[in-house]
Amino acid sequence: MAHAAAAMAGTETRPLLISALPKLPWPLLSRRSRALLMIGIMISPAFISDYIGYAVQRIFYTPDQIADRAAGSILGKIDIFRVACPEADAAAGYWTVYAAQNGWRMYPEAGPSCFKPDRSLLGVAGLKSFNVACPVMALSPSEQRHWVAYSSSRGWNDFPQAGAGCVDP
């Protein structure tokens, strides 16, 4: 009997409690605006503060730092240029004159008559062309290790004639 009385009391008080709560009216907004408002309230403040903090941090970057971040990889600190060398049986003097006429700098590190063309010279008979990748500036020890791992993972050979850390990709 006690159980039945408790059950009856529970059913009688439940509708009274629900009806006793005041109904708060929504502001006069459209359904879409209310949905966006709820989404805005439910998003974590930490999630929003990450973007705000990054935007504030970007304000104080120098143009060089922004360019480095835009590159996003080790290749942003590496200078990649073409080198062209005449083959052993080709007339080296002709290519030296040709490079001088075009204003191309000589590159004796690769060979006595090698030069840096400003465009790709592939498919030219008697001329060997390849790329050289060298660090633009002195890399930090961690960046140096990253560059060595990056170049070795791609199977690029060292090209010490061009300078320390240069490779032939």
C-alpha atoms as a PDB file:
ATOM      1  CA  MET A   1       0.000   0.000   0.000  1.00  0.00           C
ATOM      2  CA  ALA A   2       2.839   2.347   0.773  1.00  0.00           C
ATOM      3  CA  HIS A   3       4.265   1.669  -2.656  1.00  0.00           C
ATOM      4  CA  ALA A   4       0.996   2.489  -4.350  1.00  0.00           C
ATOM      5  CA  ALA A   5       0.722   5.732  -2.428  1.00  0.00           C
ATOM      6  CA  ALA A   6       4.231   6.748  -3.454  1.00  0.00           C
ATOM      7  CA  ALA A   7       3.508   5.902  -7.041  1.00  0.00           C
ATOM      8  CA  MET A   8       0.339   7.932  -6.962  1.00  0.00           C
ATOM      9  CA  ALA A   9       2.106  10.869  -5.397  1.00  0.00           C
ATOM     10  CA  GLY A  10       4.798  10.735  -8.078  1.00  0.00           C
ATOM     11  CA  THR A  11       2.305  10.914 -10.882  1.00  0.00           C
ATOM     12  CA  GLU A  12       0.406  13.751  -9.263  1.00  0.00           C
ATOM     13  CA  THR A  13       3.461  15.933  -8.582  1.00  0.00           C
ATOM     14  CA  ARG A  14       5.174  15.426 -11.912  1.00  0.00           C
ATOM     15  CA  PRO A  15       2.686  17.425 -13.985  1.00  0.00           C
ATOM     16  CA  LEU A  16       2.661  20.098 -11.342  1.00  0.00           C
ATOM     17  CA  LEU A  17       6.458  20.470 -11.435  1.00  0.00           C
ATOM     18  CA  ILE A  18       6.585  20.731 -15.215  1.00  0.00           C
ATOM     19  CA  SER A  19       3.815  23.257 -15.329  1.00  0.00           C
ATOM     20  CA  ALA A  20       5.399  25.230 -12.481  1.00  0.00           C
ATOM     21  CA  LEU A  21       8.603  25.932 -14.438  1.00  0.00           C
ATOM     22  CA  PRO A  22       8.417  29.266 -16.196  1.00  0.00           C
ATOM     23  CA  LYS A  23       8.640  29.212 -19.959  1.00  0.00           C
ATOM     24  CA  LEU A  24      11.362  31.531 -21.083  1.00  0.00           C
ATOM     25  CA  PRO A  25      10.512  33.077 -24.409  1.00  0.00           C
ATOM     26  CA  TRP A  26      13.191  33.000 -27.098  1.00  0.00           C
ATOM     27  CA  PRO A  27      14.369  36.339 -28.329  1.00  0.00           C
ATOM     28  CA  LEU A  28      12.618  37.452 -31.469  1.00  0.00           C
ATOM     29  CA  LEU A  29      15.024  35.734 -33.839  1.00  0.00           C
ATOM     30  CA  SER A  30      14.511  33.475 -36.789  1.00  0.00           C
ATOM     31  CA  ARG A  31      15.054  29.742 -36.419  1.00  0.00           C
ATOM     32  CA  ARG A  32      18.340  29.983 -38.334  1.00  0.00           C
ATOM     33  CA  SER A  33      19.614  32.785 -36.079  1.00  0.00           C
ATOM     34  CA  ARG A  34      18.669  30.818 -32.954  1.00  0.00           C
ATOM     35  CA  ALA A  35      20.507  27.764 -34.318  1.00  0.00           C
ATOM     36  CA  LEU A  36      23.629  29.824 -35.000  1.00  0.00           C
ATOM     37  CA  LEU A  37      23.379  31.340 -31.537  1.00  0.00           C
ATOM     38  CA  MET A  38      23.241  27.895 -29.944  1.00  0.00           C
ATOM     39  CA  ILE A  39      26.164  26.687 -32.022  1.00  0.00           C
ATOM     40  CA  GLY A  40      28.139  29.727 -30.955  1.00  0.00           C
ATOM     41  CA  ILE A  41      27.370  29.093 -27.291  1.00  0.00           C
ATOM     42  CA  MET A  42      28.224  25.397 -27.485  1.00  0.00           C
ATOM     43  CA  ILE A  43      31.605  25.777 -29.224  1.00  0.00           C
ATOM     44  CA  SER A  44      34.512  25.454 -26.829  1.00  0.00           C
ATOM     45  CA  PRO A  45      36.149  28.790 -25.959  1.00  0.00           C
ATOM     46  CA  ALA A  46      39.549  27.085 -26.198  1.00  0.00           C
ATOM     47  CA  PHE A  47      38.795  26.146 -29.795  1.00  0.00           C
ATOM     48  CA  ILE A  48      38.011  29.758 -30.661  1.00  0.00           C
ATOM     49  CA  SER A  49      40.955  31.156 -28.701  1.00  0.00           C
ATOM     50  CA  ASP A  50      43.421  29.087 -30.775  1.00  0.00           C
ATOM     51  CA  TYR A  51      42.388  30.949 -33.908  1.00  0.00           C
ATOM     52  CA  ILE A  52      42.358  34.310 -32.170  1.00  0.00           C
ATOM     53  CA  GLY A  53      45.798  33.651 -30.668  1.00  0.00           C
ATOM     54  CA  TYR A  54      47.213  32.623 -34.045  1.00  0.00           C
ATOM     55  CA  ALA A  55      45.792  35.765 -35.669  1.00  0.00           C
ATOM     56  CA  VAL A  56      47.368  37.957 -32.959  1.00  0.00           C
ATOM     57  CA  GLN A  57      50.667  36.097 -33.312  1.00  0.00           C
ATOM     58  CA  ARG A  58      50.672  36.627 -37.102  1.00  0.00           C
ATOM     59  CA  ILE A  59      50.394  40.389 -36.620  1.00  0.00           C
ATOM     60  CA  PHE A  60      53.898  40.451 -35.142  1.00  0.00           C
ATOM     61  CA  TYR A  61      55.598  38.274 -37.803  1.00  0.00           C
ATOM     62  CA  THR A  62      58.150  39.917 -40.075  1.00  0.00           C
ATOM     63  CA  PRO A  63      57.715  39.452 -43.850  1.00  0.00           C
ATOM     64  CA  ASP A  64      60.606  36.944 -43.833  1.00  0.00           C
ATOM     65  CA  GLN A  65      58.930  34.879 -41.116  1.00  0.00           C
ATOM     66  CA  ILE A  66      55.641  34.885 -43.029  1.00  0.00           C
ATOM     67  CA  ALA A  67      57.446  33.727 -46.184  1.00  0.00           C
ATOM     68  CA  ASP A  68      59.183  30.949 -44.227  1.00  0.00           C
ATOM     69  CA  ARG A  69      55.890  29.773 -42.770  1.00  0.00           C
ATOM     70  CA  ALA A  70      54.227  29.924 -46.173  1.00  0.00           C
ATOM     71  CA  ALA A  71      56.899  27.652 -47.625  1.00  0.00           C
ATOM     72  CA  GLY A  72      56.127  25.274 -44.799  1.00  0.00           C
ATOM     73  CA  SER A  73      58.979  22.913 -45.544  1.00  0.00           C
ATOM     74  CA  ILE A  74      62.714  22.641 -45.614  1.00  0.00           C
ATOM     75  CA  LEU A  75      62.678  23.530 -49.340  1.00  0.00           C
ATOM     76  CA  GLY A  76      61.913  27.137 -48.383  1.00  0.00           C
ATOM     77  CA  LYS A  77      65.491  27.406 -47.067  1.00  0.00           C
ATOM     78  CA  ILE A  78      67.101  25.640 -50.020  1.00  0.00           C
ATOM     79  CA  ASP A  79      68.275  27.226 -53.266  1.00  0.00           C
ATOM     80  CA  ILE A  80      67.701  24.917 -56.261  1.00  0.00           C
ATOM     81  CA  PHE A  81      69.389  25.904 -59.505  1.00  0.00           C
ATOM     82  CA  ARG A  82      70.255  24.355 -62.872  1.00  0.00           C
ATOM     83  CA  VAL A  83      73.827  23.588 -63.907  1.00  0.00           C
ATOM     84  CA  ALA A  84      74.873  22.742 -67.454  1.00  0.00           C
ATOM     85  CA  CYS A  85      78.218  21.150 -68.326  1.00  0.00           C
ATOM     86  CA  PRO A  86      79.556  20.228 -71.778  1.00  0.00           C
ATOM     87  CA  GLU A  87      80.320  16.551 -72.235  1.00  0.00           C
ATOM     88  CA  ALA A  88      83.910  15.403 -72.741  1.00  0.00           C
ATOM     89  CA  ASP A  89      83.648  15.141 -76.530  1.00  0.00           C
ATOM     90  CA  ALA A  90      81.801  18.470 -76.982  1.00  0.00           C
ATOM     91  CA  ALA A  91      83.562  21.759 -77.689  1.00  0.00           C
ATOM     92  CA  ALA A  92      83.790  23.387 -74.247  1.00  0.00           C
ATOM     93  CA  GLY A  93      84.841  26.706 -75.757  1.00  0.00           C
ATOM     94  CA  TYR A  94      81.592  26.996 -77.728  1.00  0.00           C
ATOM     95  CA  TRP A  95      79.489  26.566 -74.594  1.00  0.00           C
ATOM     96  CA  THR A  96      81.625  29.043 -72.635  1.00  0.00           C
ATOM     97  CA  VAL A  97      81.050  31.682 -75.330  1.00  0.00           C
ATOM     98  CA  TYR A  98      77.342  30.768 -75.517  1.00  0.00           C
ATOM     99  CA  ALA A  99      76.950  31.174 -71.742  1.00  0.00           C
ATOM    100  CA  ALA A 100      78.748  34.531 -71.829  1.00  0.00           C
ATOM    101  CA  GLN A 101      76.498  35.781 -74.660  1.00  0.00           C
ATOM    102  CA  ASN A 102      73.402  34.906 -72.614  1.00  0.00           C
ATOM    103  CA  GLY A 103      74.792  36.443 -69.427  1.00  0.00           C
ATOM    104  CA  TRP A 104      74.896  33.119 -67.558  1.00  0.00           C
ATOM    105  CA  ARG A 105      77.327  32.859 -64.657  1.00  0.00           C
ATOM    106  CA  MET A 106      80.039  30.256 -64.848  1.00  0.00           C
ATOM    107  CA  TYR A 107      79.959  27.503 -62.223  1.00  0.00           C
ATOM    108  CA  PRO A 108      83.504  26.092 -61.996  1.00  0.00           C
ATOM    109  CA  GLU A 109      82.646  24.005 -58.896  1.00  0.00           C
ATOM    110  CA  ALA A 110      80.894  21.502 -61.187  1.00  0.00           C
ATOM    111  CA  GLY A 111      83.588  21.670 -63.859  1.00  0.00           C
ATOM    112  CA  PRO A 112      85.824  24.242 -65.586  1.00  0.00           C
ATOM    113  CA  SER A 113      83.311  25.115 -68.336  1.00  0.00           C
ATOM    114  CA  CYS A 114      80.030  24.566 -66.413  1.00  0.00           C
ATOM    115  CA  PHE A 115      77.526  27.400 -66.058  1.00  0.00           C
ATOM    116  CA  LYS A 116      74.158  28.238 -64.489  1.00  0.00           C
ATOM    117  CA  PRO A 117      71.526  28.743 -67.196  1.00  0.00           C
ATOM    118  CA  ASP A 118      68.389  30.650 -66.329  1.00  0.00           C
ATOM    119  CA  ARG A 119      66.264  28.079 -68.164  1.00  0.00           C
ATOM    120  CA  SER A 120      66.242  24.342 -68.664  1.00  0.00           C
ATOM    121  CA  LEU A 121      68.517  23.153 -71.466  1.00  0.00           C
ATOM    122  CA  LEU A 122      67.296  19.575 -71.773  1.00  0.00           C
ATOM    123  CA  GLY A 123      67.696  17.667 -75.004  1.00  0.00           C
ATOM    124  CA  VAL A 124      70.673  19.691 -76.256  1.00  0.00           C
ATOM    125  CA  ALA A 125      73.328  17.454 -77.827  1.00  0.00           C
ATOM    126  CA  GLY A 126      76.704  17.574 -76.122  1.00  0.00           C
ATOM    127  CA  LEU A 127      75.401  19.192 -72.926  1.00  0.00           C
ATOM    128  CA  LYS A 128      74.691  17.565 -69.575  1.00  0.00           C
ATOM    129  CA  SER A 129      72.212  19.444 -67.396  1.00  0.00           C
ATOM    130  CA  PHE A 130      71.326  18.748 -63.767  1.00  0.00           C
ATOM    131  CA  ASN A 131      69.988  20.440 -60.641  1.00  0.00           C
ATOM    132  CA  VAL A 132      71.925  21.404 -57.527  1.00  0.00           C
ATOM    133  CA  ALA A 133      70.184  22.108 -54.225  1.00  0.00           C
ATOM    134  CA  CYS A 134      72.106  24.092 -51.607  1.00  0.00           C
ATOM    135  CA  PRO A 135      71.100  25.676 -48.304  1.00  0.00           C
ATOM    136  CA  VAL A 136      70.550  29.411 -48.752  1.00  0.00           C
ATOM    137  CA  MET A 137      71.807  30.214 -45.263  1.00  0.00           C
ATOM    138  CA  ALA A 138      73.445  28.389 -42.407  1.00  0.00           C
ATOM    139  CA  LEU A 139      70.908  25.922 -41.106  1.00  0.00           C
ATOM    140  CA  SER A 140      70.491  25.221 -37.410  1.00  0.00           C
ATOM    141  CA  PRO A 141      71.649  21.771 -36.265  1.00  0.00           C
ATOM    142  CA  SER A 142      68.075  20.443 -36.207  1.00  0.00           C
ATOM    143  CA  GLU A 143      67.354  21.869 -39.669  1.00  0.00           C
ATOM    144  CA  GLN A 144      70.640  20.413 -40.942  1.00  0.00           C
ATOM    145  CA  ARG A 145      69.622  16.960 -39.669  1.00  0.00           C
ATOM    146  CA  HIS A 146      66.192  17.432 -41.254  1.00  0.00           C
ATOM    147  CA  TRP A 147      67.773  18.416 -44.590  1.00  0.00           C
ATOM    148  CA  VAL A 148      70.148  15.427 -44.534  1.00  0.00           C
ATOM    149  CA  ALA A 149      67.254  13.065 -43.761  1.00  0.00           C
ATOM    150  CA  TYR A 150      65.065  14.756 -46.404  1.00  0.00           C
ATOM    151  CA  SER A 151      67.669  14.479 -49.149  1.00  0.00           C
ATOM    152  CA  SER A 152      68.762  10.938 -48.247  1.00  0.00           C
ATOM    153  CA  SER A 153      65.153   9.683 -48.131  1.00  0.00           C
ATOM    154  CA  ARG A 154      64.782  10.815 -51.755  1.00  0.00           C
ATOM    155  CA  GLY A 155      68.071   9.222 -52.822  1.00  0.00           C
ATOM    156  CA  TRP A 156      69.783  12.512 -53.692  1.00  0.00           C
ATOM    157  CA  ASN A 157      73.580  12.286 -53.961  1.00  0.00           C
ATOM    158  CA  ASP A 158      75.918  14.660 -52.177  1.00  0.00           C
ATOM    159  CA  PHE A 159      77.524  17.326 -54.372  1.00  0.00           C
ATOM    160  CA  PRO A 160      80.319  18.727 -52.157  1.00  0.00           C
ATOM    161  CA  GLN A 161      81.872  20.698 -55.030  1.00  0.00           C
ATOM    162  CA  ALA A 162      78.935  23.127 -54.806  1.00  0.00           C
ATOM    163  CA  GLY A 163      79.370  23.649 -51.076  1.00  0.00           C
ATOM    164  CA  ALA A 164      78.632  22.089 -47.728  1.00  0.00           C
ATOM    165  CA  GLY A 165      75.231  20.401 -47.649  1.00  0.00           C
ATOM    166  CA  CYS A 166      74.607  20.645 -51.407  1.00  0.00           C
ATOM    167  CA  VAL A 167      73.030  17.709 -53.194  1.00  0.00           C
ATOM    168  CA  ASP A 168      72.323  16.684 -56.759  1.00  0.00           C
ATOM    169  CA  PRO A 169      68.572  15.931 -56.790  1.00  0.00           C
END
